[in-house]
N, C-alpha and C. Protein backbone atom coordinates (compact mmCIF):
# COMPACT_ATOMS: atom_id res chain seq x y z
N MET A 1 -11.77 -1.78 -12.86
CA MET A 1 -12.64 -0.71 -12.72
C MET A 1 -13.69 -0.66 -11.23
N VAL A 2 -14.38 0.96 -11.19
CA VAL A 2 -15.05 0.89 -9.76
C VAL A 2 -16.37 0.99 -10.36
N ALA A 3 -16.73 1.76 -11.68
CA ALA A 3 -18.02 2.49 -11.98
C ALA A 3 -17.90 2.30 -13.44
N LEU A 4 -19.43 2.21 -13.86
CA LEU A 4 -19.64 2.97 -14.65
C LEU A 4 -20.84 3.71 -15.30
N GLU A 5 -20.64 4.93 -15.89
CA GLU A 5 -22.25 5.05 -16.61
C GLU A 5 -22.37 5.90 -17.61
N GLU A 6 -23.24 5.55 -18.60
CA GLU A 6 -23.93 6.11 -19.73
C GLU A 6 -24.54 6.93 -20.07
N ARG A 7 -24.02 8.29 -20.69
CA ARG A 7 -24.86 9.34 -21.09
C ARG A 7 -24.95 9.77 -22.16
N GLY A 8 -26.18 10.09 -22.92
CA GLY A 8 -26.62 9.71 -24.13
C GLY A 8 -25.87 9.06 -25.34
N ASP A 9 -24.40 8.94 -25.86
CA ASP A 9 -24.04 8.54 -26.87
C ASP A 9 -22.47 7.62 -25.89
N SER A 10 -22.22 8.11 -24.62
CA SER A 10 -21.24 8.06 -24.51
C SER A 10 -21.54 7.15 -23.34
N LEU A 11 -20.14 6.50 -22.87
CA LEU A 11 -20.24 5.78 -22.04
C LEU A 11 -19.22 5.93 -20.94
N ILE A 12 -18.72 6.10 -20.15
CA ILE A 12 -18.30 6.63 -18.96
C ILE A 12 -17.53 5.73 -18.12
N VAL A 13 -16.22 5.20 -17.95
CA VAL A 13 -15.85 4.54 -16.73
C VAL A 13 -15.23 4.27 -16.12
N ILE A 14 -14.63 4.32 -15.05
CA ILE A 14 -13.76 4.70 -13.82
C ILE A 14 -13.32 4.16 -13.45
N SER A 15 -11.96 3.59 -13.12
CA SER A 15 -11.19 2.80 -12.32
C SER A 15 -10.74 3.58 -11.33
N ARG A 16 -10.17 3.48 -10.34
CA ARG A 16 -9.44 3.85 -8.89
C ARG A 16 -8.60 5.13 -9.03
N SER A 17 -8.38 5.33 -10.41
CA SER A 17 -7.23 6.62 -10.73
C SER A 17 -7.64 7.31 -11.81
N HIS A 18 -8.97 6.64 -12.67
CA HIS A 18 -8.32 7.09 -13.83
C HIS A 18 -9.62 7.47 -14.49
N VAL A 19 -10.27 7.59 -15.69
CA VAL A 19 -11.60 8.45 -16.44
C VAL A 19 -11.52 7.89 -17.59
N VAL A 20 -12.20 6.50 -18.11
CA VAL A 20 -11.97 6.51 -19.56
C VAL A 20 -13.17 6.72 -20.32
N LEU A 21 -13.47 7.40 -22.06
CA LEU A 21 -14.56 7.35 -22.63
C LEU A 21 -14.85 6.25 -23.94
N ALA A 22 -15.76 6.31 -24.03
CA ALA A 22 -16.06 5.05 -24.93
C ALA A 22 -17.79 5.87 -25.54
N ASN A 23 -17.92 5.72 -27.57
CA ASN A 23 -18.58 6.52 -28.29
C ASN A 23 -19.51 5.53 -28.67
N ALA A 24 -21.09 5.67 -29.02
CA ALA A 24 -21.67 4.59 -30.00
C ALA A 24 -21.08 4.57 -30.51
N ILE A 25 -20.10 5.82 -32.12
CA ILE A 25 -20.03 5.86 -33.23
C ILE A 25 -19.47 4.76 -33.03
N ASP A 26 -18.26 4.34 -32.66
CA ASP A 26 -16.79 3.54 -32.10
C ASP A 26 -17.42 2.38 -31.96
N LYS A 27 -18.56 1.84 -31.69
CA LYS A 27 -19.32 0.96 -30.87
C LYS A 27 -18.52 0.24 -29.58
N TYR A 28 -19.00 1.46 -28.86
CA TYR A 28 -17.98 1.53 -27.43
C TYR A 28 -16.93 0.19 -27.68
N GLU A 29 -16.29 0.27 -28.72
CA GLU A 29 -14.76 -0.96 -28.78
C GLU A 29 -13.50 0.27 -28.25
N VAL A 30 -13.69 1.33 -28.43
CA VAL A 30 -12.38 2.04 -28.07
C VAL A 30 -12.84 3.02 -27.20
N PHE A 31 -12.00 2.85 -26.07
CA PHE A 31 -11.91 3.77 -25.41
C PHE A 31 -10.50 4.30 -24.89
N LYS A 32 -10.96 5.90 -24.57
CA LYS A 32 -9.86 6.90 -24.66
C LYS A 32 -9.74 7.43 -23.38
N PRO A 33 -8.42 7.44 -22.67
CA PRO A 33 -8.87 8.45 -21.75
C PRO A 33 -8.88 9.73 -21.43
N THR A 34 -9.40 9.85 -20.26
CA THR A 34 -9.72 11.29 -19.98
C THR A 34 -8.98 11.87 -19.14
N THR A 35 -8.47 13.31 -18.84
CA THR A 35 -7.60 13.85 -17.62
C THR A 35 -8.17 14.62 -16.85
N LEU A 36 -9.01 13.88 -15.92
CA LEU A 36 -9.93 15.17 -14.92
C LEU A 36 -8.65 16.00 -14.16
N ALA A 37 -9.34 17.62 -14.04
CA ALA A 37 -9.00 18.30 -13.68
C ALA A 37 -9.01 18.58 -12.24
N THR A 38 -7.35 19.12 -11.99
CA THR A 38 -7.49 18.95 -10.08
C THR A 38 -8.78 20.46 -9.64
N PRO A 39 -9.10 19.90 -8.61
CA PRO A 39 -10.30 20.64 -8.31
C PRO A 39 -9.26 22.32 -7.89
N THR A 40 -9.82 23.69 -8.21
CA THR A 40 -9.55 24.76 -8.11
C THR A 40 -8.83 24.83 -6.33
N GLY A 41 -7.56 25.44 -6.33
CA GLY A 41 -7.59 25.74 -4.82
C GLY A 41 -7.08 24.62 -4.32
N LYS A 42 -6.87 22.99 -5.02
CA LYS A 42 -6.71 21.80 -4.13
C LYS A 42 -5.25 21.67 -4.00
N GLU A 43 -4.59 21.23 -2.93
CA GLU A 43 -3.30 20.24 -3.08
C GLU A 43 -3.23 18.67 -3.40
N LYS A 44 -2.73 17.96 -3.78
CA LYS A 44 -2.59 17.18 -3.69
C LYS A 44 -2.60 16.32 -2.15
N ARG A 45 -2.67 15.54 -1.97
CA ARG A 45 -2.10 14.89 -0.90
C ARG A 45 -2.83 13.71 -0.29
N ILE A 46 -2.04 12.66 0.85
CA ILE A 46 -2.08 11.37 1.12
C ILE A 46 -2.84 11.25 2.47
N SER A 47 -3.57 10.54 2.52
CA SER A 47 -3.75 10.27 4.10
C SER A 47 -2.96 9.30 4.60
N LEU A 48 -2.87 9.60 5.54
CA LEU A 48 -1.11 9.49 6.42
C LEU A 48 -1.35 7.80 6.79
N PHE A 49 -2.45 7.65 7.07
CA PHE A 49 -2.88 5.95 7.00
C PHE A 49 -2.33 5.21 6.24
N LYS A 50 -2.66 5.33 4.66
CA LYS A 50 -2.19 5.67 3.28
C LYS A 50 -0.86 5.24 3.41
N THR A 51 0.13 6.06 3.85
CA THR A 51 1.26 6.43 3.67
C THR A 51 2.13 5.22 4.37
N ILE A 52 1.76 4.94 5.95
CA ILE A 52 1.85 4.05 6.31
C ILE A 52 1.57 2.90 6.08
N TRP A 53 0.86 2.91 5.71
CA TRP A 53 0.09 1.35 5.23
C TRP A 53 1.88 0.64 3.88
N VAL A 54 1.66 2.09 2.80
CA VAL A 54 2.39 1.42 1.47
C VAL A 54 4.02 1.38 1.93
N ILE A 55 4.39 1.87 3.10
CA ILE A 55 5.31 1.62 3.77
C ILE A 55 5.84 0.55 4.38
N HIS A 56 5.05 0.14 5.10
CA HIS A 56 5.13 -0.81 5.87
C HIS A 56 5.36 -2.31 4.67
N SER A 57 3.69 -2.37 3.65
CA SER A 57 4.00 -3.28 2.90
C SER A 57 5.31 -2.98 1.97
N GLY A 58 6.59 -2.51 1.67
CA GLY A 58 7.20 -1.89 0.61
C GLY A 58 6.79 -1.46 -0.47
N GLU A 59 5.32 -1.28 -0.40
CA GLU A 59 5.07 -0.68 -1.85
C GLU A 59 5.34 0.86 -2.43
N ILE A 60 6.17 1.31 -1.13
CA ILE A 60 6.18 2.85 -1.43
C ILE A 60 7.62 2.87 -2.25
N TRP A 61 8.09 1.66 -2.47
CA TRP A 61 9.11 1.73 -3.68
C TRP A 61 8.82 1.00 -5.01
N GLY A 62 7.78 0.02 -4.57
CA GLY A 62 7.43 -0.25 -5.77
C GLY A 62 7.59 -2.06 -5.79
N ASP A 63 7.80 -2.62 -6.65
CA ASP A 63 8.04 -3.90 -6.77
C ASP A 63 9.62 -4.21 -5.79
N ALA A 64 10.73 -3.49 -5.88
CA ALA A 64 11.93 -3.72 -5.02
C ALA A 64 11.34 -3.71 -3.73
N GLY A 65 10.45 -2.53 -3.14
CA GLY A 65 10.38 -2.07 -2.29
C GLY A 65 9.49 -3.63 -1.80
N LYS A 66 8.68 -4.05 -2.42
CA LYS A 66 7.63 -5.44 -1.41
C LYS A 66 9.15 -6.82 -1.89
N LEU A 67 10.03 -6.92 -2.73
CA LEU A 67 10.52 -7.42 -2.02
C LEU A 67 11.27 -7.61 -1.17
N ILE A 68 12.65 -6.23 -1.07
CA ILE A 68 12.73 -5.61 0.41
C ILE A 68 12.13 -6.89 1.81
N VAL A 69 10.86 -6.25 1.95
CA VAL A 69 10.27 -6.57 2.99
C VAL A 69 9.93 -7.93 3.27
N ASP A 70 9.51 -8.56 1.78
CA ASP A 70 9.31 -10.13 1.91
C ASP A 70 10.80 -10.33 2.26
N MET A 71 11.92 -9.87 1.69
CA MET A 71 13.09 -10.75 2.85
C MET A 71 13.16 -10.64 4.05
N GLY A 72 12.84 -8.84 4.59
CA GLY A 72 12.67 -9.12 5.83
C GLY A 72 11.94 -10.23 6.34
N GLY A 73 10.81 -11.03 5.97
CA GLY A 73 9.79 -11.98 6.68
C GLY A 73 10.48 -12.93 6.65
N LEU A 74 11.42 -13.54 5.67
CA LEU A 74 12.23 -14.33 5.24
C LEU A 74 13.60 -14.50 6.64
N ALA A 75 13.64 -13.29 7.17
CA ALA A 75 15.21 -13.06 7.31
C ALA A 75 14.03 -13.31 8.80
N MET A 76 13.22 -13.02 9.15
CA MET A 76 12.16 -13.27 10.89
C MET A 76 12.00 -14.71 10.84
N ILE A 77 11.76 -15.29 10.09
CA ILE A 77 11.60 -16.74 9.85
C ILE A 77 12.45 -17.34 10.81
N PHE A 78 14.01 -16.80 9.83
CA PHE A 78 15.53 -17.62 9.95
C PHE A 78 15.63 -17.87 11.75
N LEU A 79 15.42 -15.53 12.31
CA LEU A 79 16.29 -15.50 13.07
C LEU A 79 15.87 -16.43 14.46
N SER A 80 14.10 -16.61 14.30
CA SER A 80 13.69 -17.08 15.45
C SER A 80 13.45 -18.54 15.57
N VAL A 81 13.98 -19.32 14.43
CA VAL A 81 14.40 -20.98 14.39
C VAL A 81 15.80 -20.71 14.85
N THR A 82 16.47 -19.93 14.53
CA THR A 82 18.09 -19.94 14.93
C THR A 82 18.10 -19.41 16.37
N GLY A 83 17.37 -18.82 16.85
CA GLY A 83 17.13 -18.04 18.48
C GLY A 83 16.67 -19.39 19.20
N LEU A 84 15.79 -20.13 18.67
CA LEU A 84 15.59 -21.51 19.37
C LEU A 84 16.27 -22.18 19.96
N PHE A 85 16.72 -22.44 18.31
CA PHE A 85 17.72 -23.62 18.55
C PHE A 85 19.06 -23.08 19.34
N TYR A 86 19.12 -21.92 19.38
CA TYR A 86 20.43 -21.29 20.33
C TYR A 86 19.81 -21.54 21.53
N PHE A 87 18.57 -21.49 22.04
CA PHE A 87 18.14 -21.36 23.33
C PHE A 87 17.86 -22.80 23.84
N PHE A 88 17.30 -23.92 22.43
CA PHE A 88 17.35 -25.80 23.39
C PHE A 88 18.78 -26.05 23.39
N ALA A 89 19.59 -25.50 22.71
CA ALA A 89 20.80 -26.71 22.35
C ALA A 89 21.72 -26.77 23.71
N PRO A 90 21.51 -26.31 24.25
CA PRO A 90 22.16 -26.59 25.90
C PRO A 90 21.40 -27.27 26.68
N LYS A 91 20.63 -27.80 26.32
CA LYS A 91 19.52 -28.34 27.58
C LYS A 91 19.24 -30.00 26.36
N LEU A 92 19.29 -29.88 25.14
CA LEU A 92 19.86 -30.74 24.08
C LEU A 92 20.99 -31.86 24.54
N LEU A 93 21.98 -31.06 24.87
CA LEU A 93 23.39 -31.40 24.35
C LEU A 93 23.40 -32.12 26.39
N LYS A 94 22.46 -31.67 27.59
CA LYS A 94 22.49 -32.21 28.54
C LYS A 94 21.81 -33.43 28.72
N ARG A 95 20.79 -33.76 27.25
CA ARG A 95 20.21 -35.08 27.37
C ARG A 95 20.88 -36.54 26.56
N ILE A 96 21.76 -35.55 25.76
CA ILE A 96 21.96 -36.90 24.93
C ILE A 96 23.00 -37.55 25.09
N GLY A 97 24.10 -37.24 26.85
CA GLY A 97 24.75 -38.12 27.36
C GLY A 97 25.93 -37.26 26.53
N GLN A 98 26.60 -39.10 26.71
CA GLN A 98 27.56 -39.34 26.27
C GLN A 98 28.72 -39.81 24.60
N ARG A 99 27.30 -39.39 23.70
CA ARG A 99 27.08 -39.34 22.47
C ARG A 99 28.37 -38.11 21.74
N ILE A 100 29.42 -38.64 21.69
CA ILE A 100 30.72 -37.46 21.34
C ILE A 100 30.27 -36.79 20.52
N SER A 101 30.24 -37.67 19.00
CA SER A 101 29.63 -37.35 17.80
C SER A 101 28.85 -36.16 17.36
N LEU A 102 27.97 -36.32 18.48
CA LEU A 102 26.11 -36.23 18.10
C LEU A 102 26.55 -34.51 18.50
N LYS A 103 27.06 -35.03 20.07
CA LYS A 103 27.45 -33.36 20.47
C LYS A 103 28.31 -32.24 19.71
N ARG A 104 29.49 -33.21 18.81
CA ARG A 104 30.05 -31.92 18.54
C ARG A 104 29.41 -31.35 17.18
N ARG A 105 28.42 -32.09 16.50
CA ARG A 105 27.60 -31.60 15.66
C ARG A 105 26.69 -30.73 15.99
N ILE A 106 25.83 -30.76 17.23
CA ILE A 106 25.26 -29.86 17.91
C ILE A 106 26.00 -28.25 18.16
N LYS A 107 27.03 -28.89 18.46
CA LYS A 107 28.04 -27.28 18.88
C LYS A 107 28.42 -26.59 17.67
N ARG A 108 28.56 -26.98 16.97
CA ARG A 108 29.27 -26.53 15.67
C ARG A 108 28.25 -25.94 14.56
N ALA A 109 26.44 -26.73 14.98
CA ALA A 109 25.35 -26.15 14.62
C ALA A 109 24.94 -25.20 15.21
N ASN A 110 25.53 -25.40 16.80
CA ASN A 110 25.11 -24.10 17.14
C ASN A 110 25.22 -22.73 17.12
N LYS A 111 26.72 -23.23 16.91
CA LYS A 111 27.84 -21.78 16.56
C LYS A 111 27.44 -21.32 15.29
N TRP A 112 27.71 -22.36 14.08
CA TRP A 112 26.87 -21.53 12.87
C TRP A 112 25.66 -20.67 13.09
N SER A 113 24.92 -21.18 14.15
CA SER A 113 23.07 -20.54 13.60
C SER A 113 23.52 -19.63 14.46
N PHE A 114 24.54 -19.18 16.16
CA PHE A 114 24.40 -17.62 16.77
C PHE A 114 25.53 -17.11 15.96
N LYS A 115 26.15 -17.65 14.94
CA LYS A 115 27.45 -16.47 13.75
C LYS A 115 26.27 -15.36 13.19
N TRP A 116 25.30 -16.24 12.37
CA TRP A 116 24.51 -15.61 11.39
C TRP A 116 23.33 -15.75 12.40
N HIS A 117 22.90 -15.74 13.23
CA HIS A 117 21.31 -14.86 14.00
C HIS A 117 22.22 -13.50 14.41
N LEU A 118 24.02 -13.50 14.52
CA LEU A 118 23.83 -12.14 14.77
C LEU A 118 24.24 -10.92 13.97
N LYS A 119 24.86 -12.14 12.76
CA LYS A 119 24.69 -10.94 11.44
C LYS A 119 23.71 -10.92 11.04
N LEU A 120 22.82 -11.46 10.32
CA LEU A 120 21.58 -11.30 9.76
C LEU A 120 20.39 -10.36 10.78
N GLY A 121 20.77 -10.64 11.73
CA GLY A 121 19.57 -10.22 13.08
C GLY A 121 20.28 -8.02 13.00
N ILE A 122 21.75 -8.19 13.08
CA ILE A 122 21.87 -6.60 12.63
C ILE A 122 21.40 -5.85 11.42
N ILE A 123 21.66 -6.83 10.10
CA ILE A 123 21.50 -6.07 8.64
C ILE A 123 20.15 -6.28 8.65
N ALA A 124 18.96 -7.31 9.32
CA ALA A 124 17.55 -7.16 8.95
C ALA A 124 17.01 -5.94 10.05
N SER A 125 17.54 -5.51 10.86
CA SER A 125 17.37 -5.05 11.93
C SER A 125 16.62 -3.54 11.68
N ILE A 126 17.01 -2.66 10.78
CA ILE A 126 16.17 -2.18 10.18
C ILE A 126 14.26 -2.21 9.70
N ILE A 127 14.60 -2.93 8.44
CA ILE A 127 13.24 -3.32 7.67
C ILE A 127 12.66 -4.25 9.41
N LEU A 128 13.41 -4.96 10.29
CA LEU A 128 12.07 -4.79 11.20
C LEU A 128 11.61 -4.38 11.67
N LEU A 129 12.21 -3.44 12.21
CA LEU A 129 11.83 -2.02 13.26
C LEU A 129 10.82 -0.61 12.27
N LEU A 130 11.14 -0.89 11.40
CA LEU A 130 10.26 -0.45 10.76
C LEU A 130 8.88 -0.41 10.11
N ALA A 131 9.01 -2.09 9.94
CA ALA A 131 7.57 -2.99 9.93
C ALA A 131 7.04 -2.71 11.26
N MET A 132 7.78 -3.12 12.40
CA MET A 132 6.99 -2.72 13.58
C MET A 132 6.28 -1.56 13.67
N LEU A 133 7.14 -0.65 13.71
CA LEU A 133 6.89 0.93 13.94
C LEU A 133 5.53 0.71 13.06
N THR A 134 5.40 1.17 11.73
CA THR A 134 4.16 0.98 11.30
C THR A 134 3.34 0.33 11.73
N GLY A 135 3.60 -1.10 11.75
CA GLY A 135 2.81 -1.64 11.30
C GLY A 135 1.46 -1.65 12.97
N MET A 136 1.90 -1.07 13.92
CA MET A 136 1.78 -0.30 15.32
C MET A 136 0.64 0.77 15.62
N PHE A 137 0.46 1.40 13.71
CA PHE A 137 -0.40 2.43 13.37
C PHE A 137 -1.28 1.57 12.41
N LEU A 138 -1.90 0.86 12.06
CA LEU A 138 -2.30 0.05 11.24
C LEU A 138 -3.70 -0.17 11.94
N ARG A 139 -3.68 -0.43 13.24
CA ARG A 139 -4.84 -1.22 13.88
C ARG A 139 -5.58 0.08 15.42
N PRO A 140 -6.21 0.02 15.68
CA PRO A 140 -6.15 0.87 17.12
C PRO A 140 -5.48 0.28 18.16
N PRO A 141 -4.94 1.43 19.21
CA PRO A 141 -5.15 2.15 19.21
C PRO A 141 -4.34 3.38 18.74
N LEU A 142 -3.78 3.01 18.09
CA LEU A 142 -2.92 4.17 17.68
C LEU A 142 -3.26 4.29 15.88
N LEU A 143 -4.06 3.70 15.46
CA LEU A 143 -4.65 4.23 14.40
C LEU A 143 -5.66 4.88 14.56
N ILE A 144 -6.02 5.46 15.63
CA ILE A 144 -7.14 6.11 15.52
C ILE A 144 -6.73 8.00 15.79
N PRO A 145 -5.55 8.38 16.06
CA PRO A 145 -5.03 9.83 16.03
C PRO A 145 -4.29 9.90 14.56
N ILE A 146 -4.56 9.07 14.15
CA ILE A 146 -3.60 9.13 12.42
C ILE A 146 -5.35 8.95 11.17
N ALA A 147 -6.22 8.58 11.92
CA ALA A 147 -7.50 7.95 10.79
C ALA A 147 -7.56 9.38 10.00
N ASN A 148 -7.71 10.61 10.32
CA ASN A 148 -7.97 11.43 9.10
C ASN A 148 -6.70 13.01 8.97
N LYS A 149 -5.99 12.41 9.54
CA LYS A 149 -4.48 13.08 8.54
C LYS A 149 -3.96 12.89 7.33
N THR A 150 -3.46 14.14 6.96
CA THR A 150 -2.98 13.98 5.19
C THR A 150 -1.73 14.64 5.35
N VAL A 151 -0.82 14.07 4.76
CA VAL A 151 0.59 14.35 4.23
C VAL A 151 1.13 14.77 2.68
N LYS A 152 1.79 15.51 2.50
CA LYS A 152 2.04 15.53 1.33
C LYS A 152 3.06 14.00 1.03
N ALA A 153 2.70 13.50 -0.42
CA ALA A 153 3.26 12.27 -0.80
C ALA A 153 4.58 11.90 -0.56
N ILE A 154 5.40 11.34 -0.08
CA ILE A 154 6.74 10.98 -0.41
C ILE A 154 7.52 11.36 -1.91
N LYS A 155 8.58 12.48 -1.54
CA LYS A 155 9.37 12.56 -3.15
C LYS A 155 9.82 11.49 -3.86
N TRP A 156 9.65 10.76 -4.53
CA TRP A 156 10.40 10.01 -5.60
C TRP A 156 9.91 8.24 -5.11
N SER A 157 8.62 8.56 -4.40
CA SER A 157 7.86 7.34 -4.43
C SER A 157 6.80 6.82 -5.29
N LYS A 158 5.76 5.79 -4.86
CA LYS A 158 5.18 5.64 -5.45
C LYS A 158 3.96 6.12 -5.70
N LEU A 159 3.99 6.80 -3.99
CA LEU A 159 2.61 8.30 -4.14
C LEU A 159 2.72 9.27 -4.78
N ASP A 160 4.29 9.26 -5.46
CA ASP A 160 4.45 11.29 -5.75
C ASP A 160 4.09 10.97 -7.20
N ASN A 161 2.89 10.96 -7.69
CA ASN A 161 2.58 10.94 -9.13
C ASN A 161 1.74 12.57 -9.54
N THR A 162 1.72 12.86 -10.77
CA THR A 162 0.90 14.07 -11.06
C THR A 162 -0.63 13.54 -11.09
N ASN A 163 -0.82 12.87 -10.91
CA ASN A 163 -2.60 12.13 -10.85
C ASN A 163 -2.75 13.02 -9.29
N PHE A 164 -3.97 13.97 -9.66
CA PHE A 164 -4.76 14.63 -8.68
C PHE A 164 -5.83 13.08 -7.72
N TRP A 165 -5.69 12.62 -8.52
CA TRP A 165 -7.08 11.51 -8.17
C TRP A 165 -6.89 9.80 -7.70
N ASP A 166 -5.43 9.43 -8.12
CA ASP A 166 -4.69 8.78 -8.04
C ASP A 166 -5.31 7.91 -6.29
N ASP A 167 -6.01 6.81 -6.90
CA ASP A 167 -6.35 5.71 -6.20
C ASP A 167 -7.44 6.76 -5.45
N ASN A 168 -8.04 7.65 -5.70
CA ASN A 168 -8.90 8.05 -4.97
C ASN A 168 -10.42 7.90 -5.34
N LEU A 169 -10.95 7.29 -6.64
CA LEU A 169 -12.31 7.97 -7.24
C LEU A 169 -12.75 6.63 -6.87
N ARG A 170 -14.07 6.46 -6.59
CA ARG A 170 -14.84 4.99 -6.09
C ARG A 170 -16.34 5.13 -7.14
N ASP A 171 -16.96 6.46 -7.55
CA ASP A 171 -18.39 6.06 -8.63
C ASP A 171 -18.90 7.04 -9.02
N ILE A 172 -19.85 6.87 -10.11
CA ILE A 172 -19.89 8.04 -10.88
C ILE A 172 -21.23 7.89 -11.24
N ALA A 173 -22.10 8.80 -10.97
CA ALA A 173 -23.66 9.05 -11.54
C ALA A 173 -23.82 10.46 -12.07
N TYR A 174 -24.57 10.22 -13.45
CA TYR A 174 -24.99 11.86 -13.95
C TYR A 174 -26.32 11.60 -12.89
N ASP A 175 -26.46 13.26 -12.98
CA ASP A 175 -28.24 14.18 -12.40
C ASP A 175 -28.74 14.08 -13.83
N SER A 176 -29.66 14.01 -14.53
CA SER A 176 -29.79 14.63 -15.23
C SER A 176 -30.88 16.12 -14.61
N GLN A 177 -31.40 16.07 -13.70
CA GLN A 177 -32.07 17.25 -13.58
C GLN A 177 -31.19 18.11 -13.02
N ARG A 178 -30.06 18.31 -12.74
CA ARG A 178 -29.55 19.13 -12.43
C ARG A 178 -28.46 19.37 -13.20
N GLY A 179 -28.18 18.67 -14.42
CA GLY A 179 -26.80 18.45 -15.48
C GLY A 179 -26.06 18.50 -15.05
N PHE A 180 -25.41 17.41 -14.27
CA PHE A 180 -23.78 17.02 -13.83
C PHE A 180 -24.03 16.58 -13.66
N PHE A 181 -22.80 15.20 -13.36
CA PHE A 181 -21.83 14.42 -12.43
C PHE A 181 -22.15 14.67 -11.34
N MET A 182 -22.39 13.39 -10.25
CA MET A 182 -21.93 13.32 -9.53
C MET A 182 -20.44 12.38 -8.98
N LEU A 183 -19.32 12.74 -8.47
CA LEU A 183 -17.96 11.83 -8.50
C LEU A 183 -18.19 11.44 -7.29
N ALA A 184 -17.64 10.38 -6.57
CA ALA A 184 -17.72 10.13 -5.35
C ALA A 184 -16.00 9.43 -5.61
N THR A 185 -15.89 10.10 -4.21
CA THR A 185 -14.19 9.88 -4.24
C THR A 185 -14.38 9.50 -2.77
N ALA A 186 -13.33 9.39 -2.10
CA ALA A 186 -12.63 8.39 -1.14
C ALA A 186 -12.32 10.19 0.09
N GLU A 187 -12.67 11.32 -0.39
CA GLU A 187 -12.09 11.91 0.16
C GLU A 187 -14.07 12.98 0.59
N GLY A 188 -15.03 12.61 -0.59
CA GLY A 188 -15.73 13.08 -0.40
C GLY A 188 -17.07 13.30 -2.14
N ILE A 189 -17.98 14.20 -2.33
CA ILE A 189 -18.93 13.64 -3.39
C ILE A 189 -18.16 14.95 -3.75
N TYR A 190 -18.02 15.01 -5.10
CA TYR A 190 -17.90 16.43 -6.78
C TYR A 190 -18.98 16.43 -7.02
N ALA A 191 -19.55 17.68 -7.35
CA ALA A 191 -20.22 17.80 -9.22
C ALA A 191 -18.82 18.09 -9.88
N LEU A 192 -19.03 17.16 -10.89
CA LEU A 192 -18.02 17.18 -12.67
C LEU A 192 -19.28 17.85 -13.76
N SER A 193 -18.52 18.13 -14.07
CA SER A 193 -19.17 18.50 -15.45
C SER A 193 -19.02 18.04 -17.08
N PRO A 194 -20.79 18.23 -17.32
CA PRO A 194 -21.11 16.90 -18.36
C PRO A 194 -19.96 16.53 -19.88
N ASN A 195 -18.92 17.73 -19.47
CA ASN A 195 -17.98 17.70 -20.83
C ASN A 195 -16.78 16.93 -20.17
N LEU A 196 -16.86 16.67 -18.74
CA LEU A 196 -15.68 16.46 -18.16
C LEU A 196 -14.23 17.28 -17.65
N LYS A 197 -14.48 18.59 -18.39
CA LYS A 197 -13.28 19.04 -18.64
C LYS A 197 -13.10 19.96 -17.26
N GLU A 198 -14.34 20.72 -17.00
CA GLU A 198 -14.32 21.59 -15.66
C GLU A 198 -13.79 20.81 -14.11
N PRO A 199 -13.21 22.05 -14.06
CA PRO A 199 -12.72 21.04 -12.07
C PRO A 199 -13.78 21.20 -11.20
N PRO A 200 -13.64 19.40 -11.09
CA PRO A 200 -14.71 19.52 -10.18
C PRO A 200 -15.21 20.33 -8.66
N VAL A 201 -16.08 20.25 -8.03
CA VAL A 201 -16.55 21.31 -7.45
C VAL A 201 -16.95 20.55 -6.25
N LYS A 202 -16.15 20.22 -4.74
CA LYS A 202 -16.90 19.50 -4.08
C LYS A 202 -18.16 19.79 -3.13
N PHE A 203 -18.87 18.96 -3.03
CA PHE A 203 -20.08 19.39 -2.20
C PHE A 203 -19.97 19.75 -0.85
N ALA A 204 -20.47 20.94 -0.13
CA ALA A 204 -20.34 21.73 1.10
C ALA A 204 -20.82 20.16 1.90
N LEU A 205 -20.22 19.85 3.30
CA LEU A 205 -21.80 19.15 3.77
C LEU A 205 -21.52 20.21 5.40
């Protein structure tokens, strides 16, 4: 829930994506979802920053995507450890002198870690490269040119849904003098009819 507003015997509650209504006749115990209309002539578009963010975090493909990114993080830890071991192993072998059995164990471990460093590195390279490239755009200076850009939702992804207001609603207040709701969204302020049925109209700035 991000906001609520009372008008007459109705209580309007909004989340970042939906609007629900409760009435005094039901003692405000029954909440009914209300679908807000899409503004006339508007096409649903997603901010480029948000699109890059959900790709970076893996959320773009839901729980499966987040799990894949988490596995990429574990792979990065493994690659870092095995890379350090491969770098320091020759120096370690020189320091242990004539302890043959210990040398053999270190050589076997080094051979094993190098083998899996290469294999896992090849497998995880796409995930790590994608995370690196998208991460570069999440803060300045590369964030600046994309900050105000919008794109169409990626098909069959978390962003691809029919709700125009998905993750877009921020606040609501009733203007009793002008007789409509003022609906604050991520892209501006809209005038919303008292019955919540008419397409919201965006205020010109």
